[in-house]
Amino acid sequence: MAAVNYLEKALKYVSDAVEEDKKRNYRLAYKLYDISFDYFDLTLKYEKNEKKRETITKKVAEYRKRADLIREALTKESTQTTSASPTTRKETPDFISVSG
């Protein structure tokens, strides 16, 4: 499969992740970011153009930073809610700010 096909898939998944992130569907957003990283990794593996590789790498670093923030918040929220009663649990943490 050509690097272009991997890039197209990566961009589709990351676009969906950003949309879910904006909708505050953090668990789904995190999963979509994670899938996109697999495709970005494959893209970088086969991309020969160094300028494209550099551009992709920089943008992916931004997405990884956001995904890490979501993961940390979800982990923190999960540990906080395991001892909470079902009526006090929240579906998604409301302390994750979305920039952009």
PDB file of N, CA and C in Angstrom:
ATOM      1  N   MET A   1       0.854  -1.180   0.000  1.00  0.00           N
ATOM      2  CA  MET A   1       0.000   0.000   0.000  1.00  0.00           C
ATOM      3  C   MET A   1       0.895   1.236   0.000  1.00  0.00           C
ATOM      4  N   ALA A   2       0.546   2.193  -0.803  1.00  0.00           N
ATOM      5  CA  ALA A   2       1.344   3.407  -0.916  1.00  0.00           C
ATOM      6  C   ALA A   2       1.188   4.278   0.320  1.00  0.00           C
ATOM      7  N   ALA A   3       2.220   5.078   0.565  1.00  0.00           N
ATOM      8  CA  ALA A   3       2.196   5.975   1.718  1.00  0.00           C
ATOM      9  C   ALA A   3       1.019   6.935   1.652  1.00  0.00           C
ATOM     10  N   VAL A   4       0.605   7.283   0.435  1.00  0.00           N
ATOM     11  CA  VAL A   4      -0.531   8.201   0.264  1.00  0.00           C
ATOM     12  C   VAL A   4      -1.792   7.596   0.860  1.00  0.00           C
ATOM     13  N   ASN A   5      -2.024   6.305   0.630  1.00  0.00           N
ATOM     14  CA  ASN A   5      -3.209   5.657   1.188  1.00  0.00           C
ATOM     15  C   ASN A   5      -3.163   5.643   2.714  1.00  0.00           C
ATOM     16  N   TYR A   6      -1.990   5.410   3.264  1.00  0.00           N
ATOM     17  CA  TYR A   6      -1.859   5.443   4.717  1.00  0.00           C
ATOM     18  C   TYR A   6      -2.122   6.854   5.231  1.00  0.00           C
ATOM     19  N   LEU A   7      -1.600   7.838   4.529  1.00  0.00           N
ATOM     20  CA  LEU A   7      -1.801   9.220   4.941  1.00  0.00           C
ATOM     21  C   LEU A   7      -3.276   9.599   4.877  1.00  0.00           C
ATOM     22  N   GLU A   8      -3.965   9.185   3.831  1.00  0.00           N
ATOM     23  CA  GLU A   8      -5.398   9.476   3.712  1.00  0.00           C
ATOM     24  C   GLU A   8      -6.164   8.877   4.889  1.00  0.00           C
ATOM     25  N   LYS A   9      -5.848   7.653   5.245  1.00  0.00           N
ATOM     26  CA  LYS A   9      -6.520   7.010   6.379  1.00  0.00           C
ATOM     27  C   LYS A   9      -6.176   7.719   7.680  1.00  0.00           C
ATOM     28  N   ALA A  10      -4.911   8.069   7.846  1.00  0.00           N
ATOM     29  CA  ALA A  10      -4.489   8.779   9.056  1.00  0.00           C
ATOM     30  C   ALA A  10      -5.234  10.100   9.188  1.00  0.00           C
ATOM     31  N   LEU A  11      -5.336  10.828   8.090  1.00  0.00           N
ATOM     32  CA  LEU A  11      -6.021  12.120   8.126  1.00  0.00           C
ATOM     33  C   LEU A  11      -7.511  11.968   8.404  1.00  0.00           C
ATOM     34  N   LYS A  12      -8.108  10.917   7.896  1.00  0.00           N
ATOM     35  CA  LYS A  12      -9.532  10.670   8.159  1.00  0.00           C
ATOM     36  C   LYS A  12      -9.745  10.381   9.647  1.00  0.00           C
ATOM     37  N   TYR A  13      -8.938   9.492  10.203  1.00  0.00           N
ATOM     38  CA  TYR A  13      -9.084   9.154  11.621  1.00  0.00           C
ATOM     39  C   TYR A  13      -8.787  10.350  12.527  1.00  0.00           C
ATOM     40  N   VAL A  14      -7.763  11.112  12.213  1.00  0.00           N
ATOM     41  CA  VAL A  14      -7.425  12.245  13.073  1.00  0.00           C
ATOM     42  C   VAL A  14      -8.477  13.341  12.948  1.00  0.00           C
ATOM     43  N   SER A  15      -9.035  13.498  11.767  1.00  0.00           N
ATOM     44  CA  SER A  15     -10.115  14.473  11.585  1.00  0.00           C
ATOM     45  C   SER A  15     -11.326  14.087  12.434  1.00  0.00           C
ATOM     46  N   ASP A  16     -11.670  12.817  12.407  1.00  0.00           N
ATOM     47  CA  ASP A  16     -12.772  12.320  13.236  1.00  0.00           C
ATOM     48  C   ASP A  16     -12.455  12.493  14.727  1.00  0.00           C
ATOM     49  N   ALA A  17     -11.204  12.259  15.093  1.00  0.00           N
ATOM     50  CA  ALA A  17     -10.794  12.417  16.492  1.00  0.00           C
ATOM     51  C   ALA A  17     -10.958  13.858  16.945  1.00  0.00           C
ATOM     52  N   VAL A  18     -10.548  14.790  16.117  1.00  0.00           N
ATOM     53  CA  VAL A  18     -10.671  16.201  16.455  1.00  0.00           C
ATOM     54  C   VAL A  18     -12.144  16.582  16.611  1.00  0.00           C
ATOM     55  N   GLU A  19     -12.984  16.081  15.730  1.00  0.00           N
ATOM     56  CA  GLU A  19     -14.420  16.367  15.835  1.00  0.00           C
ATOM     57  C   GLU A  19     -15.006  15.826  17.132  1.00  0.00           C
ATOM     58  N   GLU A  20     -14.665  14.596  17.470  1.00  0.00           N
ATOM     59  CA  GLU A  20     -15.165  14.005  18.718  1.00  0.00           C
ATOM     60  C   GLU A  20     -14.607  14.743  19.934  1.00  0.00           C
ATOM     61  N   ASP A  21     -13.372  15.177  19.830  1.00  0.00           N
ATOM     62  CA  ASP A  21     -12.742  15.954  20.891  1.00  0.00           C
ATOM     63  C   ASP A  21     -13.531  17.253  21.110  1.00  0.00           C
ATOM     64  N   LYS A  22     -13.874  17.927  20.047  1.00  0.00           N
ATOM     65  CA  LYS A  22     -14.649  19.169  20.146  1.00  0.00           C
ATOM     66  C   LYS A  22     -16.030  18.923  20.747  1.00  0.00           C
ATOM     67  N   LYS A  23     -16.591  17.746  20.483  1.00  0.00           N
ATOM     68  CA  LYS A  23     -17.903  17.383  21.028  1.00  0.00           C
ATOM     69  C   LYS A  23     -17.798  16.881  22.466  1.00  0.00           C
ATOM     70  N   ARG A  24     -16.575  16.825  22.993  1.00  0.00           N
ATOM     71  CA  ARG A  24     -16.291  16.360  24.355  1.00  0.00           C
ATOM     72  C   ARG A  24     -16.547  14.858  24.520  1.00  0.00           C
ATOM     73  N   ASN A  25     -16.463  14.133  23.444  1.00  0.00           N
ATOM     74  CA  ASN A  25     -16.531  12.661  23.480  1.00  0.00           C
ATOM     75  C   ASN A  25     -15.093  12.159  23.582  1.00  0.00           C
ATOM     76  N   TYR A  26     -14.511  12.341  24.754  1.00  0.00           N
ATOM     77  CA  TYR A  26     -13.083  12.136  24.919  1.00  0.00           C
ATOM     78  C   TYR A  26     -12.634  10.693  24.755  1.00  0.00           C
ATOM     79  N   ARG A  27     -13.413   9.753  25.217  1.00  0.00           N
ATOM     80  CA  ARG A  27     -13.005   8.345  25.079  1.00  0.00           C
ATOM     81  C   ARG A  27     -12.914   7.959  23.603  1.00  0.00           C
ATOM     82  N   LEU A  28     -13.935   8.326  22.841  1.00  0.00           N
ATOM     83  CA  LEU A  28     -13.922   8.021  21.408  1.00  0.00           C
ATOM     84  C   LEU A  28     -12.817   8.807  20.713  1.00  0.00           C
ATOM     85  N   ALA A  29     -12.645  10.061  21.076  1.00  0.00           N
ATOM     86  CA  ALA A  29     -11.587  10.875  20.472  1.00  0.00           C
ATOM     87  C   ALA A  29     -10.225  10.227  20.696  1.00  0.00           C
ATOM     88  N   TYR A  30      -9.982   9.762  21.915  1.00  0.00           N
ATOM     89  CA  TYR A  30      -8.701   9.134  22.210  1.00  0.00           C
ATOM     90  C   TYR A  30      -8.482   7.882  21.350  1.00  0.00           C
ATOM     91  N   LYS A  31      -9.511   7.072  21.220  1.00  0.00           N
ATOM     92  CA  LYS A  31      -9.391   5.865  20.395  1.00  0.00           C
ATOM     93  C   LYS A  31      -9.078   6.221  18.945  1.00  0.00           C
ATOM     94  N   LEU A  32      -9.747   7.243  18.428  1.00  0.00           N
ATOM     95  CA  LEU A  32      -9.519   7.657  17.046  1.00  0.00           C
ATOM     96  C   LEU A  32      -8.125   8.247  16.856  1.00  0.00           C
ATOM     97  N   TYR A  33      -7.666   9.035  17.820  1.00  0.00           N
ATOM     98  CA  TYR A  33      -6.294   9.547  17.749  1.00  0.00           C
ATOM     99  C   TYR A  33      -5.320   8.372  17.702  1.00  0.00           C
ATOM    100  N   ASP A  34      -5.540   7.393  18.562  1.00  0.00           N
ATOM    101  CA  ASP A  34      -4.644   6.245  18.645  1.00  0.00           C
ATOM    102  C   ASP A  34      -4.581   5.474  17.319  1.00  0.00           C
ATOM    103  N   ILE A  35      -5.728   5.269  16.703  1.00  0.00           N
ATOM    104  CA  ILE A  35      -5.756   4.591  15.406  1.00  0.00           C
ATOM    105  C   ILE A  35      -5.012   5.416  14.362  1.00  0.00           C
ATOM    106  N   SER A  36      -5.230   6.724  14.392  1.00  0.00           N
ATOM    107  CA  SER A  36      -4.562   7.582  13.402  1.00  0.00           C
ATOM    108  C   SER A  36      -3.043   7.485  13.533  1.00  0.00           C
ATOM    109  N   PHE A  37      -2.538   7.345  14.760  1.00  0.00           N
ATOM    110  CA  PHE A  37      -1.092   7.270  14.958  1.00  0.00           C
ATOM    111  C   PHE A  37      -0.490   6.048  14.269  1.00  0.00           C
ATOM    112  N   ASP A  38      -1.228   4.945  14.258  1.00  0.00           N
ATOM    113  CA  ASP A  38      -0.747   3.755  13.549  1.00  0.00           C
ATOM    114  C   ASP A  38      -0.568   4.056  12.060  1.00  0.00           C
ATOM    115  N   TYR A  39      -1.548   4.742  11.483  1.00  0.00           N
ATOM    116  CA  TYR A  39      -1.463   5.087  10.062  1.00  0.00           C
ATOM    117  C   TYR A  39      -0.408   6.155   9.796  1.00  0.00           C
ATOM    118  N   PHE A  40      -0.255   7.108  10.707  1.00  0.00           N
ATOM    119  CA  PHE A  40       0.806   8.101  10.536  1.00  0.00           C
ATOM    120  C   PHE A  40       2.170   7.423  10.600  1.00  0.00           C
ATOM    121  N   ASP A  41       2.326   6.460  11.502  1.00  0.00           N
ATOM    122  CA  ASP A  41       3.597   5.737  11.600  1.00  0.00           C
ATOM    123  C   ASP A  41       3.914   5.004  10.296  1.00  0.00           C
ATOM    124  N   LEU A  42       2.902   4.381   9.710  1.00  0.00           N
ATOM    125  CA  LEU A  42       3.111   3.692   8.429  1.00  0.00           C
ATOM    126  C   LEU A  42       3.432   4.691   7.316  1.00  0.00           C
ATOM    127  N   THR A  43       2.766   5.818   7.349  1.00  0.00           N
ATOM    128  CA  THR A  43       3.045   6.861   6.363  1.00  0.00           C
ATOM    129  C   THR A  43       4.503   7.286   6.450  1.00  0.00           C
ATOM    130  N   LEU A  44       4.963   7.545   7.655  1.00  0.00           N
ATOM    131  CA  LEU A  44       6.344   7.990   7.836  1.00  0.00           C
ATOM    132  C   LEU A  44       7.345   6.905   7.453  1.00  0.00           C
ATOM    133  N   LYS A  45       6.966   5.671   7.664  1.00  0.00           N
ATOM    134  CA  LYS A  45       7.855   4.554   7.321  1.00  0.00           C
ATOM    135  C   LYS A  45       8.144   4.519   5.817  1.00  0.00           C
ATOM    136  N   TYR A  46       7.127   4.835   5.003  1.00  0.00           N
ATOM    137  CA  TYR A  46       7.270   4.714   3.559  1.00  0.00           C
ATOM    138  C   TYR A  46       7.462   6.038   2.834  1.00  0.00           C
ATOM    139  N   GLU A  47       7.298   7.142   3.517  1.00  0.00           N
ATOM    140  CA  GLU A  47       7.452   8.456   2.868  1.00  0.00           C
ATOM    141  C   GLU A  47       8.919   8.738   2.606  1.00  0.00           C
ATOM    142  N   LYS A  48       9.244   9.043   1.362  1.00  0.00           N
ATOM    143  CA  LYS A  48      10.632   9.297   0.972  1.00  0.00           C
ATOM    144  C   LYS A  48      10.986  10.787   1.032  1.00  0.00           C
ATOM    145  N   ASN A  49      10.004  11.646   0.849  1.00  0.00           N
ATOM    146  CA  ASN A  49      10.239  13.085   0.817  1.00  0.00           C
ATOM    147  C   ASN A  49      10.486  13.592   2.240  1.00  0.00           C
ATOM    148  N   GLU A  50      11.699  14.074   2.474  1.00  0.00           N
ATOM    149  CA  GLU A  50      12.092  14.487   3.827  1.00  0.00           C
ATOM    150  C   GLU A  50      11.270  15.675   4.321  1.00  0.00           C
ATOM    151  N   LYS A  51      10.936  16.599   3.435  1.00  0.00           N
ATOM    152  CA  LYS A  51      10.135  17.756   3.843  1.00  0.00           C
ATOM    153  C   LYS A  51       8.733  17.322   4.283  1.00  0.00           C
ATOM    154  N   LYS A  52       8.131  16.394   3.551  1.00  0.00           N
ATOM    155  CA  LYS A  52       6.815  15.872   3.938  1.00  0.00           C
ATOM    156  C   LYS A  52       6.906  15.139   5.270  1.00  0.00           C
ATOM    157  N   ARG A  53       7.959  14.335   5.428  1.00  0.00           N
ATOM    158  CA  ARG A  53       8.152  13.600   6.679  1.00  0.00           C
ATOM    159  C   ARG A  53       8.245  14.560   7.868  1.00  0.00           C
ATOM    160  N   GLU A  54       8.980  15.636   7.672  1.00  0.00           N
ATOM    161  CA  GLU A  54       9.153  16.621   8.737  1.00  0.00           C
ATOM    162  C   GLU A  54       7.830  17.303   9.080  1.00  0.00           C
ATOM    163  N   THR A  55       7.072  17.673   8.070  1.00  0.00           N
ATOM    164  CA  THR A  55       5.775  18.323   8.276  1.00  0.00           C
ATOM    165  C   THR A  55       4.815  17.390   9.004  1.00  0.00           C
ATOM    166  N   ILE A  56       4.755  16.148   8.564  1.00  0.00           N
ATOM    167  CA  ILE A  56       3.869  15.159   9.190  1.00  0.00           C
ATOM    168  C   ILE A  56       4.292  14.925  10.638  1.00  0.00           C
ATOM    169  N   THR A  57       5.578  14.774  10.870  1.00  0.00           N
ATOM    170  CA  THR A  57       6.092  14.512  12.211  1.00  0.00           C
ATOM    171  C   THR A  57       5.725  15.639  13.176  1.00  0.00           C
ATOM    172  N   LYS A  58       5.856  16.877  12.732  1.00  0.00           N
ATOM    173  CA  LYS A  58       5.510  18.018  13.590  1.00  0.00           C
ATOM    174  C   LYS A  58       4.029  18.022  13.934  1.00  0.00           C
ATOM    175  N   LYS A  59       3.192  17.777  12.943  1.00  0.00           N
ATOM    176  CA  LYS A  59       1.749  17.808  13.194  1.00  0.00           C
ATOM    177  C   LYS A  59       1.332  16.643  14.095  1.00  0.00           C
ATOM    178  N   VAL A  60       1.898  15.479  13.859  1.00  0.00           N
ATOM    179  CA  VAL A  60       1.575  14.314  14.684  1.00  0.00           C
ATOM    180  C   VAL A  60       1.992  14.554  16.135  1.00  0.00           C
ATOM    181  N   ALA A  61       3.086  15.245  16.342  1.00  0.00           N
ATOM    182  CA  ALA A  61       3.519  15.561  17.710  1.00  0.00           C
ATOM    183  C   ALA A  61       2.453  16.386  18.432  1.00  0.00           C
ATOM    184  N   GLU A  62       1.814  17.299  17.723  1.00  0.00           N
ATOM    185  CA  GLU A  62       0.727  18.092  18.322  1.00  0.00           C
ATOM    186  C   GLU A  62      -0.457  17.195  18.684  1.00  0.00           C
ATOM    187  N   TYR A  63      -0.816  16.295  17.770  1.00  0.00           N
ATOM    188  CA  TYR A  63      -1.926  15.376  18.038  1.00  0.00           C
ATOM    189  C   TYR A  63      -1.599  14.443  19.203  1.00  0.00           C
ATOM    190  N   ARG A  64      -0.368  13.970  19.262  1.00  0.00           N
ATOM    191  CA  ARG A  64       0.041  13.087  20.365  1.00  0.00           C
ATOM    192  C   ARG A  64      -0.029  13.816  21.707  1.00  0.00           C
ATOM    193  N   LYS A  65       0.356  15.065  21.704  1.00  0.00           N
ATOM    194  CA  LYS A  65       0.287  15.855  22.933  1.00  0.00           C
ATOM    195  C   LYS A  65      -1.163  15.957  23.405  1.00  0.00           C
ATOM    196  N   ARG A  66      -2.074  16.208  22.481  1.00  0.00           N
ATOM    197  CA  ARG A  66      -3.486  16.303  22.836  1.00  0.00           C
ATOM    198  C   ARG A  66      -4.012  14.949  23.314  1.00  0.00           C
ATOM    199  N   ALA A  67      -3.669  13.888  22.612  1.00  0.00           N
ATOM    200  CA  ALA A  67      -4.117  12.546  22.998  1.00  0.00           C
ATOM    201  C   ALA A  67      -3.577  12.174  24.379  1.00  0.00           C
ATOM    202  N   ASP A  68      -2.343  12.533  24.664  1.00  0.00           N
ATOM    203  CA  ASP A  68      -1.767  12.259  25.983  1.00  0.00           C
ATOM    204  C   ASP A  68      -2.525  13.000  27.080  1.00  0.00           C
ATOM    205  N   LEU A  69      -2.890  14.243  26.806  1.00  0.00           N
ATOM    206  CA  LEU A  69      -3.665  15.017  27.773  1.00  0.00           C
ATOM    207  C   LEU A  69      -5.016  14.350  28.040  1.00  0.00           C
ATOM    208  N   ILE A  70      -5.664  13.907  26.983  1.00  0.00           N
ATOM    209  CA  ILE A  70      -6.953  13.217  27.130  1.00  0.00           C
ATOM    210  C   ILE A  70      -6.779  11.928  27.927  1.00  0.00           C
ATOM    211  N   ARG A  71      -5.760  11.138  27.568  1.00  0.00           N
ATOM    212  CA  ARG A  71      -5.511   9.870  28.269  1.00  0.00           C
ATOM    213  C   ARG A  71      -5.287  10.103  29.758  1.00  0.00           C
ATOM    214  N   GLU A  72      -4.473  11.088  30.078  1.00  0.00           N
ATOM    215  CA  GLU A  72      -4.199  11.393  31.486  1.00  0.00           C
ATOM    216  C   GLU A  72      -5.473  11.812  32.215  1.00  0.00           C
ATOM    217  N   ALA A  73      -6.272  12.639  31.571  1.00  0.00           N
ATOM    218  CA  ALA A  73      -7.518  13.103  32.196  1.00  0.00           C
ATOM    219  C   ALA A  73      -8.501  11.950  32.375  1.00  0.00           C
ATOM    220  N   LEU A  74      -8.596  11.084  31.373  1.00  0.00           N
ATOM    221  CA  LEU A  74      -9.497   9.940  31.486  1.00  0.00           C
ATOM    222  C   LEU A  74      -9.032   8.980  32.569  1.00  0.00           C
ATOM    223  N   THR A  75      -7.738   8.787  32.682  1.00  0.00           N
ATOM    224  CA  THR A  75      -7.187   7.923  33.725  1.00  0.00           C
ATOM    225  C   THR A  75      -7.470   8.516  35.098  1.00  0.00           C
ATOM    226  N   LYS A  76      -7.247   9.801  35.230  1.00  0.00           N
ATOM    227  CA  LYS A  76      -7.508  10.475  36.500  1.00  0.00           C
ATOM    228  C   LYS A  76      -8.991  10.420  36.837  1.00  0.00           C
ATOM    229  N   GLU A  77      -9.828  10.673  35.860  1.00  0.00           N
ATOM    230  CA  GLU A  77     -11.280  10.648  36.063  1.00  0.00           C
ATOM    231  C   GLU A  77     -11.739   9.247  36.428  1.00  0.00           C
ATOM    232  N   SER A  78     -11.138   8.247  35.802  1.00  0.00           N
ATOM    233  CA  SER A  78     -11.502   6.858  36.067  1.00  0.00           C
ATOM    234  C   SER A  78     -11.165   6.466  37.502  1.00  0.00           C
ATOM    235  N   THR A  79     -10.009   6.873  37.976  1.00  0.00           N
ATOM    236  CA  THR A  79      -9.627   6.526  39.346  1.00  0.00           C
ATOM    237  C   THR A  79     -10.458   7.288  40.367  1.00  0.00           C
ATOM    238  N   GLN A  80     -10.895   8.474  40.008  1.00  0.00           N
ATOM    239  CA  GLN A  80     -11.729   9.253  40.913  1.00  0.00           C
ATOM    240  C   GLN A  80     -13.139   8.689  41.006  1.00  0.00           C
ATOM    241  N   THR A  81     -13.649   8.145  39.905  1.00  0.00           N
ATOM    242  CA  THR A  81     -15.033   7.678  39.887  1.00  0.00           C
ATOM    243  C   THR A  81     -15.186   6.240  40.338  1.00  0.00           C
ATOM    244  N   THR A  82     -14.108   5.493  40.448  1.00  0.00           N
ATOM    245  CA  THR A  82     -14.252   4.099  40.870  1.00  0.00           C
ATOM    246  C   THR A  82     -14.780   3.996  42.293  1.00  0.00           C
ATOM    247  N   SER A  83     -14.509   5.010  43.092  1.00  0.00           N
ATOM    248  CA  SER A  83     -15.014   4.985  44.464  1.00  0.00           C
ATOM    249  C   SER A  83     -16.273   5.826  44.630  1.00  0.00           C
ATOM    250  N   ALA A  84     -16.673   6.529  43.574  1.00  0.00           N
ATOM    251  CA  ALA A  84     -17.868   7.373  43.659  1.00  0.00           C
ATOM    252  C   ALA A  84     -19.119   6.537  43.422  1.00  0.00           C
ATOM    253  N   SER A  85     -20.223   7.023  43.922  1.00  0.00           N
ATOM    254  CA  SER A  85     -21.486   6.326  43.673  1.00  0.00           C
ATOM    255  C   SER A  85     -21.908   6.543  42.225  1.00  0.00           C
ATOM    256  N   PRO A  86     -22.741   5.665  41.673  1.00  0.00           N
ATOM    257  CA  PRO A  86     -23.151   5.794  40.278  1.00  0.00           C
ATOM    258  C   PRO A  86     -23.807   7.140  39.955  1.00  0.00           C
ATOM    259  N   THR A  87     -24.434   7.755  40.890  1.00  0.00           N
ATOM    260  CA  THR A  87     -25.099   9.026  40.614  1.00  0.00           C
ATOM    261  C   THR A  87     -24.131  10.196  40.537  1.00  0.00           C
ATOM    262  N   THR A  88     -22.922  10.032  41.067  1.00  0.00           N
ATOM    263  CA  THR A  88     -21.958  11.129  41.008  1.00  0.00           C
ATOM    264  C   THR A  88     -20.932  10.947  39.899  1.00  0.00           C
ATOM    265  N   ARG A  89     -20.981   9.853  39.173  1.00  0.00           N
ATOM    266  CA  ARG A  89     -20.033   9.615  38.091  1.00  0.00           C
ATOM    267  C   ARG A  89     -20.375  10.469  36.883  1.00  0.00           C
ATOM    268  N   LYS A  90     -19.340  10.908  36.201  1.00  0.00           N
ATOM    269  CA  LYS A  90     -19.522  11.670  34.963  1.00  0.00           C
ATOM    270  C   LYS A  90     -19.052  10.802  33.806  1.00  0.00           C
ATOM    271  N   GLU A  91     -19.715  10.968  32.677  1.00  0.00           N
ATOM    272  CA  GLU A  91     -19.349  10.200  31.492  1.00  0.00           C
ATOM    273  C   GLU A  91     -17.990  10.633  30.951  1.00  0.00           C
ATOM    274  N   THR A  92     -17.728  11.925  30.928  1.00  0.00           N
ATOM    275  CA  THR A  92     -16.443  12.429  30.468  1.00  0.00           C
ATOM    276  C   THR A  92     -15.983  13.524  31.410  1.00  0.00           C
ATOM    277  N   PRO A  93     -14.686  13.655  31.567  1.00  0.00           N
ATOM    278  CA  PRO A  93     -14.188  14.712  32.439  1.00  0.00           C
ATOM    279  C   PRO A  93     -14.474  16.082  31.813  1.00  0.00           C
ATOM    280  N   ASP A  94     -14.851  17.042  32.637  1.00  0.00           N
ATOM    281  CA  ASP A  94     -15.158  18.354  32.099  1.00  0.00           C
ATOM    282  C   ASP A  94     -14.019  19.328  32.309  1.00  0.00           C
ATOM    283  N   PHE A  95     -12.860  18.837  32.680  1.00  0.00           N
ATOM    284  CA  PHE A  95     -11.728  19.711  32.942  1.00  0.00           C
ATOM    285  C   PHE A  95     -10.689  19.675  31.814  1.00  0.00           C
ATOM    286  N   ILE A  96     -11.021  19.053  30.703  1.00  0.00           N
ATOM    287  CA  ILE A  96     -10.109  19.028  29.572  1.00  0.00           C
ATOM    288  C   ILE A  96     -10.472  20.202  28.663  1.00  0.00           C
ATOM    289  N   SER A  97      -9.578  21.129  28.510  1.00  0.00           N
ATOM    290  CA  SER A  97      -9.880  22.255  27.643  1.00  0.00           C
ATOM    291  C   SER A  97      -9.467  21.910  26.217  1.00  0.00           C
ATOM    292  N   VAL A  98     -10.311  22.282  25.284  1.00  0.00           N
ATOM    293  CA  VAL A  98     -10.035  22.035  23.875  1.00  0.00           C
ATOM    294  C   VAL A  98      -9.523  23.335  23.290  1.00  0.00           C
ATOM    295  N   SER A  99      -8.325  23.281  22.763  1.00  0.00           N
ATOM    296  CA  SER A  99      -7.794  24.473  22.114  1.00  0.00           C
ATOM    297  C   SER A  99      -7.867  24.306  20.619  1.00  0.00           C
ATOM    298  N   GLY A 100      -7.982  25.389  19.932  1.00  0.00           N
ATOM    299  CA  GLY A 100      -7.968  25.295  18.481  1.00  0.00           C
ATOM    300  C   GLY A 100      -9.126  25.816  17.881  1.00  0.00           C
TER     301      GLY A 100
END
